[in-house]
Amino acid sequence: QVQLVESGGGLVQAGGSLRLSCAASGSSFSINAMAWYRQAPGKQRELVAGITSGGSTDYADSVKGRFTISRDNAKLTVYLQMNSLKPEDTAVYYCKADFSTTWGTRLVSWGQGTQVTVSS
């Protein structure tokens, strides 16, 4: 029903910046909230940032002031601007979308993940 494709990950030096993108595609759906999660090897997946359909945002304490989540509803895309990156930010980043079908059913879709590696 809905597919999510992330892009923008890569290798960056500490203090550098990356911009992640997540584009949704499909048919007969509308996007509600979207979010970015991350998971480091051997660690639990954690919420990094979320954004509602109305544009309200929330961030993990560890990224406040450094990361910014935004969305372009016309393009069905959510972004994560990551500045002042630290080695602790190294992880696979996943996009999640909460969406509704034309039948009114609420579902969740996950992207495949994109690797972010920050060197010291």
N, C-alpha and C. Protein backbone atom coordinates (compact mmCIF):
# COMPACT_ATOMS: atom_id res chain seq x y z
N GLN A 1 0.82 -1.20 0.00
CA GLN A 1 0.00 0.00 0.00
C GLN A 1 0.86 1.26 0.00
N VAL A 2 1.82 1.33 0.94
CA VAL A 2 2.72 2.46 1.04
C VAL A 2 4.15 1.95 1.16
N GLN A 3 5.03 2.48 0.33
CA GLN A 3 6.44 2.14 0.38
C GLN A 3 7.24 3.39 0.75
N LEU A 4 8.26 3.20 1.58
CA LEU A 4 9.12 4.29 2.01
C LEU A 4 10.55 4.02 1.55
N VAL A 5 11.19 5.02 0.98
CA VAL A 5 12.56 4.90 0.50
C VAL A 5 13.39 6.01 1.11
N GLU A 6 14.40 5.63 1.92
CA GLU A 6 15.30 6.59 2.53
C GLU A 6 16.52 6.82 1.66
N SER A 7 17.10 8.00 1.78
CA SER A 7 18.34 8.32 1.09
C SER A 7 19.07 9.40 1.87
N GLY A 8 20.35 9.59 1.56
CA GLY A 8 21.12 10.66 2.15
C GLY A 8 22.13 10.23 3.20
N GLY A 9 22.14 8.96 3.57
CA GLY A 9 23.11 8.49 4.54
C GLY A 9 24.50 8.43 3.94
N GLY A 10 25.49 8.23 4.81
CA GLY A 10 26.86 8.15 4.35
C GLY A 10 27.84 8.31 5.47
N LEU A 11 29.09 8.55 5.11
CA LEU A 11 30.19 8.74 6.05
C LEU A 11 30.52 10.22 6.15
N VAL A 12 30.62 10.72 7.38
CA VAL A 12 30.90 12.13 7.60
C VAL A 12 31.80 12.29 8.82
N GLN A 13 32.61 13.33 8.83
CA GLN A 13 33.46 13.64 9.97
C GLN A 13 32.63 14.25 11.10
N ALA A 14 33.09 14.05 12.33
CA ALA A 14 32.44 14.68 13.46
C ALA A 14 32.36 16.19 13.25
N GLY A 15 31.20 16.75 13.57
CA GLY A 15 30.96 18.16 13.36
C GLY A 15 30.33 18.47 12.02
N GLY A 16 30.26 17.49 11.14
CA GLY A 16 29.69 17.69 9.83
C GLY A 16 28.18 17.55 9.83
N SER A 17 27.61 17.59 8.62
CA SER A 17 26.16 17.56 8.46
C SER A 17 25.74 16.56 7.39
N LEU A 18 24.54 16.03 7.55
CA LEU A 18 23.89 15.19 6.56
C LEU A 18 22.41 15.52 6.54
N ARG A 19 21.78 15.30 5.40
CA ARG A 19 20.35 15.47 5.27
C ARG A 19 19.73 14.19 4.75
N LEU A 20 18.90 13.56 5.56
CA LEU A 20 18.21 12.35 5.16
C LEU A 20 16.85 12.68 4.56
N SER A 21 16.45 11.91 3.57
CA SER A 21 15.15 12.06 2.95
C SER A 21 14.41 10.74 2.97
N CYS A 22 13.11 10.81 3.08
CA CYS A 22 12.26 9.62 3.05
C CYS A 22 11.04 9.95 2.22
N ALA A 23 10.90 9.29 1.09
CA ALA A 23 9.79 9.53 0.17
C ALA A 23 8.79 8.39 0.23
N ALA A 24 7.53 8.74 0.36
CA ALA A 24 6.45 7.76 0.39
C ALA A 24 5.80 7.65 -0.98
N SER A 25 5.42 6.44 -1.35
CA SER A 25 4.73 6.22 -2.61
C SER A 25 3.69 5.14 -2.44
N GLY A 26 2.73 5.11 -3.34
CA GLY A 26 1.67 4.14 -3.29
C GLY A 26 0.39 4.76 -3.78
N SER A 27 -0.72 4.20 -3.37
CA SER A 27 -2.02 4.71 -3.79
C SER A 27 -3.05 4.50 -2.68
N SER A 28 -4.09 5.29 -2.74
CA SER A 28 -5.23 5.15 -1.85
C SER A 28 -4.83 5.26 -0.38
N PHE A 29 -4.06 6.29 -0.05
CA PHE A 29 -3.64 6.49 1.32
C PHE A 29 -3.43 7.96 1.61
N SER A 30 -3.38 8.29 2.88
CA SER A 30 -2.98 9.61 3.33
C SER A 30 -2.04 9.44 4.52
N ILE A 31 -1.01 10.28 4.58
CA ILE A 31 -0.01 10.18 5.63
C ILE A 31 -0.45 10.97 6.85
N ASN A 32 -0.30 10.35 8.00
CA ASN A 32 -0.58 11.04 9.26
C ASN A 32 0.76 11.52 9.84
N ALA A 33 1.25 10.87 10.88
CA ALA A 33 2.54 11.25 11.45
C ALA A 33 3.68 10.51 10.77
N MET A 34 4.86 11.12 10.77
CA MET A 34 6.07 10.48 10.26
C MET A 34 7.17 10.67 11.29
N ALA A 35 8.14 9.76 11.27
CA ALA A 35 9.19 9.80 12.27
C ALA A 35 10.47 9.17 11.74
N TRP A 36 11.56 9.53 12.40
CA TRP A 36 12.86 8.90 12.17
C TRP A 36 13.29 8.15 13.42
N TYR A 37 13.71 6.91 13.24
CA TYR A 37 14.30 6.10 14.29
C TYR A 37 15.73 5.75 13.90
N ARG A 38 16.51 5.31 14.88
CA ARG A 38 17.84 4.83 14.58
C ARG A 38 18.19 3.64 15.46
N GLN A 39 19.09 2.81 14.96
CA GLN A 39 19.51 1.63 15.69
C GLN A 39 20.99 1.37 15.45
N ALA A 40 21.75 1.38 16.52
CA ALA A 40 23.17 1.03 16.46
C ALA A 40 23.32 -0.47 16.70
N PRO A 41 24.42 -1.07 16.25
CA PRO A 41 24.63 -2.51 16.44
C PRO A 41 24.51 -2.92 17.91
N GLY A 42 23.71 -3.93 18.17
CA GLY A 42 23.53 -4.43 19.52
C GLY A 42 22.69 -3.55 20.42
N LYS A 43 22.10 -2.50 19.88
CA LYS A 43 21.31 -1.56 20.67
C LYS A 43 19.84 -1.60 20.26
N GLN A 44 19.00 -1.06 21.14
CA GLN A 44 17.58 -0.95 20.85
C GLN A 44 17.32 0.16 19.84
N ARG A 45 16.30 -0.04 19.02
CA ARG A 45 15.89 1.01 18.11
C ARG A 45 15.24 2.13 18.92
N GLU A 46 15.61 3.38 18.64
CA GLU A 46 15.11 4.50 19.40
C GLU A 46 14.54 5.57 18.49
N LEU A 47 13.55 6.28 19.01
CA LEU A 47 12.95 7.40 18.29
C LEU A 47 13.90 8.58 18.31
N VAL A 48 14.16 9.15 17.15
CA VAL A 48 15.02 10.32 17.01
C VAL A 48 14.19 11.59 16.92
N ALA A 49 13.20 11.59 16.03
CA ALA A 49 12.37 12.76 15.81
C ALA A 49 11.06 12.34 15.18
N GLY A 50 10.00 13.08 15.48
CA GLY A 50 8.70 12.81 14.90
C GLY A 50 8.03 14.10 14.49
N ILE A 51 7.11 14.00 13.53
CA ILE A 51 6.37 15.16 13.06
C ILE A 51 4.95 14.74 12.73
N THR A 52 3.98 15.52 13.19
CA THR A 52 2.58 15.22 12.94
C THR A 52 2.15 15.79 11.60
N SER A 53 0.93 15.46 11.20
CA SER A 53 0.39 15.99 9.95
C SER A 53 0.26 17.50 10.00
N GLY A 54 0.10 18.05 11.20
CA GLY A 54 0.00 19.49 11.36
C GLY A 54 1.32 20.21 11.50
N GLY A 55 2.43 19.46 11.53
CA GLY A 55 3.74 20.06 11.59
C GLY A 55 4.35 20.16 12.98
N SER A 56 3.69 19.65 14.00
CA SER A 56 4.28 19.64 15.34
C SER A 56 5.41 18.62 15.40
N THR A 57 6.49 18.98 16.08
CA THR A 57 7.68 18.13 16.11
C THR A 57 8.06 17.75 17.53
N ASP A 58 8.81 16.66 17.63
CA ASP A 58 9.34 16.19 18.90
C ASP A 58 10.68 15.54 18.64
N TYR A 59 11.63 15.70 19.58
CA TYR A 59 12.98 15.20 19.40
C TYR A 59 13.47 14.47 20.63
N ALA A 60 14.34 13.49 20.40
CA ALA A 60 15.05 12.89 21.51
C ALA A 60 15.98 13.92 22.13
N ASP A 61 16.17 13.83 23.44
CA ASP A 61 17.02 14.80 24.13
C ASP A 61 18.43 14.85 23.54
N SER A 62 18.93 13.72 23.08
CA SER A 62 20.29 13.64 22.59
C SER A 62 20.52 14.39 21.28
N VAL A 63 19.45 14.75 20.57
CA VAL A 63 19.61 15.43 19.28
C VAL A 63 18.99 16.81 19.26
N LYS A 64 18.36 17.23 20.33
CA LYS A 64 17.74 18.55 20.36
C LYS A 64 18.78 19.64 20.12
N GLY A 65 18.42 20.58 19.27
CA GLY A 65 19.32 21.66 18.92
C GLY A 65 20.27 21.34 17.79
N ARG A 66 20.36 20.07 17.41
CA ARG A 66 21.26 19.66 16.33
C ARG A 66 20.51 19.12 15.12
N PHE A 67 19.40 18.41 15.34
CA PHE A 67 18.63 17.81 14.26
C PHE A 67 17.33 18.57 14.06
N THR A 68 16.85 18.59 12.82
CA THR A 68 15.58 19.20 12.49
C THR A 68 14.80 18.29 11.56
N ILE A 69 13.57 17.96 11.95
CA ILE A 69 12.70 17.17 11.09
C ILE A 69 11.70 18.09 10.40
N SER A 70 11.42 17.82 9.14
CA SER A 70 10.47 18.61 8.38
C SER A 70 9.79 17.72 7.36
N ARG A 71 8.72 18.22 6.76
CA ARG A 71 8.02 17.43 5.75
C ARG A 71 7.48 18.32 4.65
N ASP A 72 7.37 17.74 3.48
CA ASP A 72 6.77 18.38 2.32
C ASP A 72 5.58 17.52 1.94
N ASN A 73 4.40 17.95 2.31
CA ASN A 73 3.21 17.14 2.09
C ASN A 73 2.92 16.93 0.61
N ALA A 74 3.22 17.92 -0.22
CA ALA A 74 2.98 17.78 -1.65
C ALA A 74 3.86 16.70 -2.25
N LYS A 75 5.09 16.58 -1.75
CA LYS A 75 6.02 15.57 -2.25
C LYS A 75 5.97 14.27 -1.46
N LEU A 76 5.14 14.22 -0.43
CA LEU A 76 5.04 13.04 0.43
C LEU A 76 6.41 12.63 0.95
N THR A 77 7.18 13.61 1.41
CA THR A 77 8.55 13.37 1.82
C THR A 77 8.82 13.99 3.18
N VAL A 78 9.56 13.27 4.01
CA VAL A 78 10.00 13.78 5.30
C VAL A 78 11.53 13.85 5.28
N TYR A 79 12.08 14.87 5.95
CA TYR A 79 13.51 15.09 5.96
C TYR A 79 14.04 15.11 7.38
N LEU A 80 15.30 14.79 7.52
CA LEU A 80 15.99 14.95 8.79
C LEU A 80 17.32 15.64 8.52
N GLN A 81 17.40 16.92 8.88
CA GLN A 81 18.64 17.67 8.77
C GLN A 81 19.45 17.43 10.03
N MET A 82 20.65 16.89 9.88
CA MET A 82 21.50 16.53 11.00
C MET A 82 22.76 17.38 10.95
N ASN A 83 22.94 18.24 11.95
CA ASN A 83 24.10 19.10 12.05
C ASN A 83 24.92 18.74 13.29
N SER A 84 26.15 19.21 13.32
CA SER A 84 27.04 18.97 14.45
C SER A 84 27.06 17.50 14.84
N LEU A 85 27.24 16.65 13.86
CA LEU A 85 27.18 15.21 14.09
C LEU A 85 28.30 14.73 15.00
N LYS A 86 27.96 13.74 15.82
CA LYS A 86 28.89 13.14 16.76
C LYS A 86 29.04 11.65 16.46
N PRO A 87 30.15 11.04 16.86
CA PRO A 87 30.29 9.59 16.66
C PRO A 87 29.13 8.79 17.26
N GLU A 88 28.54 9.27 18.34
CA GLU A 88 27.42 8.59 18.96
C GLU A 88 26.17 8.57 18.09
N ASP A 89 26.14 9.38 17.03
CA ASP A 89 25.02 9.38 16.10
C ASP A 89 25.11 8.25 15.08
N THR A 90 26.21 7.54 15.05
CA THR A 90 26.39 6.44 14.11
C THR A 90 25.34 5.37 14.33
N ALA A 91 24.58 5.04 13.28
CA ALA A 91 23.51 4.07 13.38
C ALA A 91 22.87 3.90 12.01
N VAL A 92 21.99 2.92 11.90
CA VAL A 92 21.11 2.82 10.75
C VAL A 92 19.86 3.62 11.08
N TYR A 93 19.50 4.53 10.20
CA TYR A 93 18.34 5.39 10.41
C TYR A 93 17.17 4.89 9.58
N TYR A 94 16.02 4.77 10.24
CA TYR A 94 14.81 4.24 9.60
C TYR A 94 13.70 5.28 9.61
N CYS A 95 13.00 5.37 8.51
CA CYS A 95 11.83 6.22 8.40
C CYS A 95 10.58 5.39 8.70
N LYS A 96 9.65 5.99 9.43
CA LYS A 96 8.37 5.34 9.73
C LYS A 96 7.24 6.30 9.39
N ALA A 97 6.20 5.76 8.77
CA ALA A 97 5.02 6.55 8.44
C ALA A 97 3.78 5.88 9.00
N ASP A 98 2.98 6.66 9.69
CA ASP A 98 1.64 6.25 10.09
C ASP A 98 0.68 6.77 9.04
N PHE A 99 -0.10 5.89 8.43
CA PHE A 99 -0.95 6.33 7.34
C PHE A 99 -2.33 5.71 7.45
N SER A 100 -3.26 6.26 6.69
CA SER A 100 -4.63 5.78 6.63
C SER A 100 -4.98 5.40 5.20
N THR A 101 -5.65 4.27 5.03
CA THR A 101 -6.14 3.88 3.72
C THR A 101 -7.45 4.59 3.44
N THR A 102 -7.92 4.46 2.21
CA THR A 102 -9.20 5.06 1.86
C THR A 102 -10.36 4.40 2.58
N TRP A 103 -10.12 3.23 3.15
CA TRP A 103 -11.14 2.54 3.94
C TRP A 103 -11.17 3.02 5.40
N GLY A 104 -10.23 3.87 5.76
CA GLY A 104 -10.17 4.38 7.12
C GLY A 104 -9.31 3.57 8.05
N THR A 105 -8.59 2.58 7.52
CA THR A 105 -7.73 1.75 8.34
C THR A 105 -6.38 2.43 8.57
N ARG A 106 -5.92 2.45 9.80
CA ARG A 106 -4.63 3.05 10.14
C ARG A 106 -3.56 1.97 10.17
N LEU A 107 -2.48 2.21 9.43
CA LEU A 107 -1.39 1.25 9.30
C LEU A 107 -0.06 1.95 9.47
N VAL A 108 1.01 1.15 9.56
CA VAL A 108 2.36 1.66 9.72
C VAL A 108 3.25 1.05 8.65
N SER A 109 4.12 1.86 8.08
CA SER A 109 5.10 1.39 7.10
C SER A 109 6.49 1.84 7.53
N TRP A 110 7.48 0.98 7.30
CA TRP A 110 8.88 1.26 7.63
C TRP A 110 9.73 1.25 6.37
N GLY A 111 10.71 2.13 6.31
CA GLY A 111 11.68 2.11 5.24
C GLY A 111 12.74 1.06 5.48
N GLN A 112 13.63 0.89 4.51
CA GLN A 112 14.65 -0.15 4.59
C GLN A 112 15.86 0.26 5.43
N GLY A 113 15.99 1.53 5.73
CA GLY A 113 17.08 2.03 6.53
C GLY A 113 18.23 2.58 5.69
N THR A 114 18.92 3.56 6.23
CA THR A 114 20.10 4.12 5.58
C THR A 114 21.19 4.31 6.64
N GLN A 115 22.41 3.92 6.30
CA GLN A 115 23.52 3.94 7.25
C GLN A 115 24.11 5.34 7.38
N VAL A 116 24.29 5.77 8.61
CA VAL A 116 24.99 7.02 8.92
C VAL A 116 26.19 6.67 9.79
N THR A 117 27.38 7.03 9.33
CA THR A 117 28.59 6.76 10.08
C THR A 117 29.34 8.07 10.30
N VAL A 118 29.63 8.38 11.56
CA VAL A 118 30.31 9.61 11.93
C VAL A 118 31.67 9.24 12.52
N SER A 119 32.73 9.70 11.88
CA SER A 119 34.08 9.41 12.34
C SER A 119 34.58 10.52 13.27
N SER A 120 35.45 10.16 14.20
CA SER A 120 36.00 11.11 15.15
C SER A 120 37.20 11.84 14.59
